[in-house]
Structure formats: C-alpha cells, structure tokens
Amino acid sequence: MPRKTMIEAIRDAMDVSMARDDNVVVFGEDVGYFGGVFRCTQGLQQKYGASRCFDAPISELGIVGAAVGMAAYGLRPCVEIQFADYMYPGYDQIVSEAARLRYRSAGDFTCPLVVRMPTGGGIFGGQTHSQSPEALFTHVAGLKTVVPSNPYDAKGLLISAIEDDDPVIFLEPKRLYNGPFDGHHDRPVTPWSKHALGEVPDGRYTVPLGQAAIRRVGAAVTVLAYGTMVYVAEAAAADTGVDAEIIDLRTLVPLDLPSIEASVKKTGRCVIIHEATLTSGFGGELTALVQETCFHHLEAPIIRVAGYDTPYPHAQEWEYFPGPARVGRALTAVMEA
C-alpha cells in the first residue's frame, strides 16, 4: 500500500473527489498555479483546469461568500483559508450564511461546502499563524468540525466532508503535515513513510464523520485528544508508564460520545488535551459531557491540559505548547487523586 504525507493525502482526497464529481471545485489564495502555501493543491489546476481549481483574491470574506453561493446553486466547493488565523474576515459568512442556509430555507437549500484551514502551532509561526480556533466553530449550530491526526484519516475524512450536504470546517494540524509530532521538539520527527498511519489506499474511501478511534488501549485513565495532541498523549503515556487509553476524537461535531462514555466508565479517570487556549476551549465542553454521563464512575476530578490564555508566543513557543511533560504531570496527578 502506498505511503503518503498528510499533504499528499489531502491532495489525493481532492483529486479523487474532483475526478468523480464535476461539481467539486477548489479555490483560495494561491491554491491554483502555486499549489497552495503548503502545496496541498499542487497539480490540481494543471489536471482539472483553471475553472475548477483557481486562485482567489486576498479576501476570506469573498472566498467563503462566493463558496456559499456556489454551494446553494449545486456546486461542491472545497476552499482553503491559508491559515486558520486568517478566517476571521470570513467568519460572518461561515456563521450567518453557510451554517444557517438549510434552516432558513426550510430545507429547500443546502450548503455542501468544505472550508480547509491549516491550524495549530509548533512551526514558530507566532501569534498570527498558530491559532487553534476550533471552539469558535463547534459552538455554531449547522457546522461540522473535523480535525484529522494522520494521512489515512485525513483523506477519508476529507472525502466524507466533500460529499456531505452540509458545511464542514476541516482543520489540518500543520505540525503533522510531514510526520507525527510527539511534542519533543528537540528530537527528529518520524516521517509518515515510516508510520503505519501513513499508509493511504489509492482511490476513494471514506472515514465516517462522528466516529472516534482508540489509538492506545488502556485501563487506568482515558485521554481525550485530537490532532497533534494524540501523539503528545502517546509520548506522555510512554514517558510516565501510565496505562492510558487514548481516544482520537477525529471529529468534534458530530462527537462520538458513546466511545468516550464507554472508555471513561471503564477507566474511571479522564484527562483532556488540546492546543487551543484553556478558557472556553472545546475541552470545557468535553469536561461537561463526561461529568454528565460518567459522574458515578469517576474516581478523580477531570483534568484539562491546554494552551495558556495568552496569544500564541513566538520566542516561548515550547513553554506554551502542551508538551509531554505537562501532559505527563496531568496523568500522574489524576492517578494520585
């Protein structure tokens, strides 16, 4: 089976979808001739022409607004916001138009739109290239929010998103584009070519939205993570020796609550990890759900490990980043509680 980076898997998903359905179009800043800032769309314009993969002006509002109109008229746009940090000018179109179209039209119109965004830090991007805004989307009724952690999932989830009849926010952890990152920034990164989840089948396959994956089976504590934090959790469990069960959520909305509930009821403990800032982060919603569904099974308070409530720093990136040491301390603390 071929092995691909996450960049190649994402490109493959768009290629497969464009080949199967002429209504699938791809556009955004520099995604056409240049192939995207991370090269996720490289070669698509040459293969499908400038009417199906094209460059847009530097206007996120315009990109999303045009895509909403295209989706309402039957196309399936898959647009790229160059960095998730740049999506704010287009946020009104995402929330007020894309997310509401089915509801406000009483089902007469749908919005089969995918908005791809590189997200997260770990690349010394500083405050304007490192944000993790997933909670801003999970709060909005009508949106689905996806965060893949590996090439296999990235391709399958993106094809599912493109084929979905409702808007999907597809957040791509840029620190994972070329290999799994465990938070040990001073160590070499294993390339996807040497990782099992780098195996990506050719052709069409899907990973269902709303289905989590257990990345490590354990009995002592449940760790809920997504994106880059899946590998940080694995490193922390290895470093501390805690028998953690690590759940990769994959999609935040819809959320696979039954898998979470089953794991926490088995282990009796829960640690939640995300890179976004702590206050009002998605970990708060996860904490509430675990508390509501598993209260009588919990043997210790739920612990959250997240980014600090500051802009993402440049010079102190690794102090901000929720690395294996911070996660390891949380695992130890929850076991001692």
Protein backbone atom coordinates (compact mmCIF):
# COMPACT_ATOMS: atom_id res chain seq x y z
CA MET A 1 0.00 0.00 0.00
CA PRO A 2 1.39 3.45 -0.86
CA ARG A 3 2.52 5.74 1.94
CA LYS A 4 1.77 9.43 1.84
CA THR A 5 2.34 12.53 3.90
CA MET A 6 -0.75 14.29 5.19
CA ILE A 7 -0.23 16.93 2.49
CA GLU A 8 -0.28 14.24 -0.19
CA ALA A 9 -3.30 12.51 1.36
CA ILE A 10 -5.30 15.75 1.44
CA ARG A 11 -4.37 16.48 -2.15
CA ASP A 12 -5.35 12.92 -3.09
CA ALA A 13 -8.76 13.36 -1.45
CA MET A 14 -9.47 16.46 -3.53
CA ASP A 15 -8.14 14.75 -6.67
CA VAL A 16 -10.39 11.71 -6.16
CA SER A 17 -13.41 13.91 -5.44
CA MET A 18 -12.83 16.18 -8.44
CA ALA A 19 -12.44 13.18 -10.73
CA ARG A 20 -15.70 11.62 -9.52
CA ASP A 21 -17.84 14.76 -9.50
CA ASP A 22 -17.54 17.71 -11.88
CA ASN A 23 -19.37 19.87 -9.33
CA VAL A 24 -16.38 19.77 -6.94
CA VAL A 25 -14.34 22.96 -7.26
CA VAL A 26 -11.25 24.06 -5.31
CA PHE A 27 -10.14 27.64 -4.78
CA GLY A 28 -8.47 30.01 -2.35
CA GLU A 29 -5.41 32.19 -2.02
CA ASP A 30 -2.52 30.79 -4.11
CA VAL A 31 -4.10 27.33 -4.43
CA GLY A 32 -4.17 27.28 -8.24
CA TYR A 33 -0.94 27.96 -10.12
CA PHE A 34 1.19 27.97 -6.95
CA GLY A 35 -0.43 24.85 -5.42
CA GLY A 36 -1.08 26.37 -2.00
CA VAL A 37 1.31 27.66 0.63
CA PHE A 38 1.77 24.08 1.91
CA ARG A 39 1.37 22.55 -1.60
CA CYS A 40 -1.85 20.71 -0.69
CA THR A 41 -3.40 21.61 -4.08
CA GLN A 42 -0.29 21.23 -6.20
CA GLY A 43 -1.06 19.95 -9.69
CA LEU A 44 -4.84 20.17 -9.43
CA GLN A 45 -5.13 23.23 -11.69
CA GLN A 46 -2.94 21.61 -14.32
CA LYS A 47 -5.09 18.48 -14.21
CA TYR A 48 -8.59 19.96 -13.99
CA GLY A 49 -8.19 23.43 -15.45
CA ALA A 50 -8.46 26.95 -14.12
CA SER A 51 -12.27 26.82 -13.91
CA ARG A 52 -12.19 24.07 -11.26
CA CYS A 53 -9.03 24.94 -9.31
CA PHE A 54 -8.24 28.63 -9.22
CA ASP A 55 -6.72 31.46 -7.23
CA ALA A 56 -8.91 33.88 -5.29
CA PRO A 57 -8.22 37.47 -4.21
CA ILE A 58 -6.86 38.03 -0.72
CA SER A 59 -10.32 38.23 0.81
CA GLU A 60 -11.52 35.50 3.14
CA LEU A 61 -14.97 37.10 3.21
CA GLY A 62 -15.05 36.91 -0.56
CA ILE A 63 -13.77 33.33 -0.68
CA VAL A 64 -16.37 32.00 1.74
CA GLY A 65 -19.17 34.21 0.41
CA ALA A 66 -18.60 33.07 -3.16
CA ALA A 67 -18.41 29.45 -1.99
CA VAL A 68 -21.75 29.72 -0.18
CA GLY A 69 -23.37 30.99 -3.37
CA MET A 70 -21.79 28.19 -5.39
CA ALA A 71 -22.98 25.58 -2.89
CA ALA A 72 -26.55 26.95 -2.95
CA TYR A 73 -26.58 26.54 -6.73
CA GLY A 74 -25.41 22.93 -6.68
CA LEU A 75 -21.62 23.03 -6.73
CA ARG A 76 -19.46 21.45 -4.04
CA PRO A 77 -16.72 23.99 -3.27
CA CYS A 78 -13.72 22.96 -1.19
CA VAL A 79 -11.97 26.21 -0.30
CA GLU A 80 -8.72 26.86 1.50
CA ILE A 81 -8.13 29.57 4.08
CA GLN A 82 -4.35 29.86 4.02
CA PHE A 83 -4.05 29.78 7.81
CA ALA A 84 -6.86 29.28 10.33
CA ASP A 85 -5.78 32.61 11.83
CA TYR A 86 -6.98 34.32 8.64
CA MET A 87 -10.55 33.06 8.79
CA TYR A 88 -11.95 35.91 10.92
CA PRO A 89 -12.94 38.19 7.99
CA GLY A 90 -14.91 35.24 6.59
CA TYR A 91 -16.38 34.15 9.92
CA ASP A 92 -19.62 36.07 9.41
CA GLN A 93 -20.23 34.28 6.10
CA ILE A 94 -19.49 30.91 7.74
CA VAL A 95 -21.81 31.52 10.70
CA SER A 96 -24.59 33.70 9.26
CA GLU A 97 -24.83 32.16 5.80
CA ALA A 98 -23.26 28.71 5.44
CA ALA A 99 -24.38 27.33 8.80
CA ARG A 100 -27.91 28.74 8.54
CA LEU A 101 -28.79 28.09 4.91
CA ARG A 102 -30.60 24.77 5.37
CA TYR A 103 -32.55 26.09 8.39
CA ARG A 104 -33.53 29.47 6.97
CA SER A 105 -34.73 27.89 3.69
CA ALA A 106 -36.73 25.16 5.48
CA GLY A 107 -34.59 22.57 3.72
CA ASP A 108 -35.01 23.99 0.21
CA PHE A 109 -31.29 24.76 0.03
CA THR A 110 -28.25 23.06 1.49
CA CYS A 111 -24.64 24.21 1.69
CA PRO A 112 -22.25 21.39 0.68
CA LEU A 113 -19.18 23.46 1.44
CA VAL A 114 -15.82 22.46 2.93
CA VAL A 115 -13.53 25.12 4.41
CA ARG A 116 -9.99 23.77 4.82
CA MET A 117 -7.67 25.54 7.25
CA PRO A 118 -4.14 24.72 8.49
CA THR A 119 -4.30 25.06 12.27
CA GLY A 120 -2.15 24.96 15.39
CA GLY A 121 1.42 25.81 16.27
CA GLY A 122 4.77 24.13 16.52
CA ILE A 123 6.25 25.81 13.44
CA PHE A 124 7.37 29.13 15.00
CA GLY A 125 4.52 30.94 13.31
CA GLY A 126 3.87 33.29 16.21
CA GLN A 127 0.54 34.77 17.22
CA THR A 128 -0.94 35.17 13.73
CA HIS A 129 -0.03 31.76 12.24
CA SER A 130 -0.53 29.35 15.17
CA GLN A 131 -4.08 29.68 16.46
CA SER A 132 -6.47 26.78 17.11
CA PRO A 133 -9.97 28.26 16.68
CA GLU A 134 -11.98 25.01 16.65
CA ALA A 135 -14.21 26.06 19.57
CA LEU A 136 -15.46 29.03 17.54
CA PHE A 137 -16.98 26.57 15.07
CA THR A 138 -18.21 23.85 17.41
CA HIS A 139 -20.38 26.50 19.10
CA VAL A 140 -22.28 27.17 15.87
CA ALA A 141 -25.33 25.04 15.07
CA GLY A 142 -25.23 23.84 11.49
CA LEU A 143 -21.46 23.35 11.19
CA LYS A 144 -19.47 20.14 11.38
CA THR A 145 -15.89 20.35 12.64
CA VAL A 146 -13.17 17.85 11.71
CA VAL A 147 -9.56 17.58 12.93
CA PRO A 148 -7.58 14.66 11.41
CA SER A 149 -4.40 13.38 13.03
CA ASN A 150 -2.85 11.28 10.25
CA PRO A 151 -2.78 10.82 6.47
CA TYR A 152 -5.17 7.85 6.36
CA ASP A 153 -7.84 9.71 8.30
CA ALA A 154 -7.18 12.99 6.51
CA LYS A 155 -8.01 11.52 3.11
CA GLY A 156 -11.04 9.53 4.27
CA LEU A 157 -12.46 12.34 6.37
CA LEU A 158 -11.96 14.95 3.64
CA ILE A 159 -13.77 12.82 1.06
CA SER A 160 -16.62 12.37 3.57
CA ALA A 161 -16.66 16.12 4.14
CA ILE A 162 -16.75 16.96 0.43
CA GLU A 163 -19.62 14.51 -0.10
CA ASP A 164 -21.58 15.86 2.89
CA ASP A 165 -24.54 18.10 2.09
CA ASP A 166 -23.82 20.49 4.97
CA PRO A 167 -20.87 22.81 5.68
CA VAL A 168 -17.77 21.22 7.18
CA ILE A 169 -14.84 23.02 8.80
CA PHE A 170 -11.76 20.91 8.09
CA LEU A 171 -8.87 21.86 10.38
CA GLU A 172 -5.46 20.46 9.39
CA PRO A 173 -2.77 20.47 12.13
CA LYS A 174 0.10 21.89 10.13
CA ARG A 175 2.69 20.40 12.51
CA LEU A 176 1.53 16.97 11.32
CA TYR A 177 1.74 17.63 7.58
CA ASN A 178 5.04 15.77 7.16
CA GLY A 179 5.10 13.45 10.15
CA PRO A 180 3.61 12.69 13.58
CA PHE A 181 4.87 15.16 16.19
CA ASP A 182 5.01 13.99 19.81
CA GLY A 183 5.95 17.34 21.33
CA HIS A 184 9.62 16.50 21.82
CA HIS A 185 10.80 19.36 19.64
CA ASP A 186 14.45 18.52 20.21
CA ARG A 187 14.12 15.07 18.63
CA PRO A 188 13.88 14.10 14.95
CA VAL A 189 10.36 13.65 13.59
CA THR A 190 9.44 10.23 12.22
CA PRO A 191 8.28 10.69 8.62
CA TRP A 192 4.87 9.36 7.61
CA SER A 193 6.68 6.95 5.28
CA LYS A 194 7.74 5.01 8.38
CA HIS A 195 4.46 5.21 10.30
CA ALA A 196 1.58 2.74 9.97
CA LEU A 197 -0.99 5.53 9.59
CA GLY A 198 0.98 6.86 6.65
CA GLU A 199 -0.45 4.01 4.56
CA VAL A 200 -3.12 5.57 2.35
CA PRO A 201 -5.07 3.46 -0.17
CA ASP A 202 -5.44 4.70 -3.71
CA GLY A 203 -8.88 5.68 -4.93
CA ARG A 204 -12.00 6.53 -2.97
CA TYR A 205 -12.62 5.51 0.62
CA THR A 206 -14.28 7.35 3.47
CA VAL A 207 -13.86 7.71 7.22
CA PRO A 208 -17.29 8.48 8.72
CA LEU A 209 -17.79 11.82 10.43
CA GLY A 210 -18.65 11.33 14.10
CA GLN A 211 -16.60 8.21 14.74
CA ALA A 212 -13.63 8.35 17.13
CA ALA A 213 -10.66 5.97 17.11
CA ILE A 214 -8.88 4.35 20.05
CA ARG A 215 -5.18 4.89 19.38
CA ARG A 216 -3.96 3.18 22.55
CA VAL A 217 -5.92 0.71 24.68
CA GLY A 218 -5.52 1.21 28.43
CA ALA A 219 -7.23 0.65 31.76
CA ALA A 220 -6.03 3.40 34.10
CA VAL A 221 -7.18 6.69 32.56
CA THR A 222 -8.96 7.92 29.43
CA VAL A 223 -7.20 10.63 27.44
CA LEU A 224 -9.32 12.62 25.01
CA ALA A 225 -7.29 14.31 22.28
CA TYR A 226 -7.35 15.33 18.65
CA GLY A 227 -4.85 16.44 16.05
CA THR A 228 -1.27 16.87 17.22
CA MET A 229 -2.20 16.17 20.83
CA VAL A 230 -2.86 12.50 20.04
CA TYR A 231 0.89 11.94 19.64
CA VAL A 232 1.75 14.11 22.65
CA ALA A 233 -0.57 11.90 24.71
CA GLU A 234 1.14 8.77 23.42
CA ALA A 235 4.55 10.20 24.32
CA ALA A 236 3.38 11.22 27.80
CA ALA A 237 1.95 7.77 28.47
CA ALA A 238 5.23 6.18 27.39
CA ASP A 239 7.31 8.60 29.46
CA THR A 240 5.25 8.15 32.65
CA GLY A 241 4.30 4.50 32.31
CA VAL A 242 0.64 5.33 32.96
CA ASP A 243 -1.68 2.81 31.31
CA ALA A 244 -3.68 5.40 29.38
CA GLU A 245 -6.42 4.74 26.87
CA ILE A 246 -6.02 7.39 24.20
CA ILE A 247 -9.04 8.36 22.12
CA ASP A 248 -8.52 10.33 18.92
CA LEU A 249 -11.82 12.21 18.53
CA ARG A 250 -11.26 12.91 14.80
CA THR A 251 -14.50 14.93 14.58
CA LEU A 252 -15.60 17.36 17.28
CA VAL A 253 -19.06 17.87 15.78
CA PRO A 254 -20.57 15.35 15.42
CA LEU A 255 -18.93 13.90 18.53
CA ASP A 256 -18.62 10.19 19.26
CA LEU A 257 -19.93 10.43 22.81
CA PRO A 258 -20.69 6.68 23.15
CA SER A 259 -16.99 5.81 22.68
CA ILE A 260 -15.97 8.45 25.22
CA GLU A 261 -18.55 7.29 27.72
CA ALA A 262 -17.59 3.62 27.38
CA SER A 263 -13.91 4.36 27.93
CA VAL A 264 -14.36 6.66 30.95
CA LYS A 265 -16.74 4.21 32.61
CA LYS A 266 -14.03 1.57 32.19
CA THR A 267 -11.09 3.62 33.48
CA GLY A 268 -12.78 5.95 35.99
CA ARG A 269 -10.43 8.80 35.16
CA CYS A 270 -10.16 11.35 32.37
CA VAL A 271 -7.56 13.81 31.04
CA ILE A 272 -8.47 16.13 28.17
CA ILE A 273 -5.83 17.73 25.94
CA HIS A 274 -5.96 20.43 23.30
CA GLU A 275 -3.59 23.06 21.96
CA ALA A 276 -6.12 25.90 21.97
CA THR A 277 -6.36 28.26 24.93
CA LEU A 278 -7.92 26.80 28.08
CA THR A 279 -10.77 29.23 28.73
CA SER A 280 -13.86 28.35 26.66
CA GLY A 281 -11.83 25.79 24.72
CA PHE A 282 -13.51 22.63 23.44
CA GLY A 283 -12.09 20.80 26.45
CA GLY A 284 -14.64 22.60 28.61
CA GLU A 285 -17.49 21.06 26.59
CA LEU A 286 -15.84 17.64 26.80
CA THR A 287 -15.47 18.02 30.56
CA ALA A 288 -19.14 18.83 30.96
CA LEU A 289 -20.22 15.87 28.83
CA VAL A 290 -18.00 13.43 30.72
CA GLN A 291 -19.26 14.81 34.03
CA GLU A 292 -22.89 14.48 32.92
CA THR A 293 -22.62 10.95 31.53
CA CYS A 294 -19.98 9.35 33.74
CA PHE A 295 -20.28 11.11 37.12
CA HIS A 296 -20.85 7.97 39.19
CA HIS A 297 -17.90 6.21 37.55
CA LEU A 298 -15.31 8.95 38.07
CA GLU A 299 -12.71 8.26 40.73
CA ALA A 300 -10.88 11.59 40.35
CA PRO A 301 -11.57 15.10 39.02
CA ILE A 302 -11.22 15.56 35.28
CA ILE A 303 -8.02 17.38 34.31
CA ARG A 304 -7.58 19.62 31.28
CA VAL A 305 -4.21 20.38 29.68
CA ALA A 306 -4.31 23.19 27.11
CA GLY A 307 -2.63 26.28 25.79
CA TYR A 308 -2.35 29.23 28.13
CA ASP A 309 -4.77 32.14 27.97
CA THR A 310 -2.37 34.33 26.01
CA PRO A 311 -1.66 34.99 22.35
CA TYR A 312 0.49 32.21 20.92
CA PRO A 313 4.07 33.34 21.62
CA HIS A 314 6.97 33.08 19.22
CA ALA A 315 10.03 33.14 21.46
CA GLN A 316 8.49 30.90 24.15
CA GLU A 317 6.63 28.51 21.85
CA TRP A 318 7.64 25.33 23.65
CA GLU A 319 6.66 26.72 27.05
CA TYR A 320 3.19 27.44 25.63
CA PHE A 321 2.79 24.22 23.67
CA PRO A 322 1.12 21.47 25.79
CA GLY A 323 4.03 19.05 25.53
CA PRO A 324 4.69 15.60 27.00
CA ALA A 325 5.99 16.99 30.30
CA ARG A 326 2.79 18.93 31.05
CA VAL A 327 0.59 16.08 29.90
CA GLY A 328 2.69 13.62 31.90
CA ARG A 329 2.21 15.67 35.07
CA ALA A 330 -1.55 15.58 34.48
CA LEU A 331 -1.52 11.81 34.04
CA THR A 332 0.43 11.38 37.25
CA ALA A 333 -1.82 13.79 39.14
CA VAL A 334 -5.06 12.13 38.05
CA MET A 335 -3.71 8.75 39.13
CA GLU A 336 -2.74 10.10 42.56
CA ALA A 337 -6.03 11.94 43.16
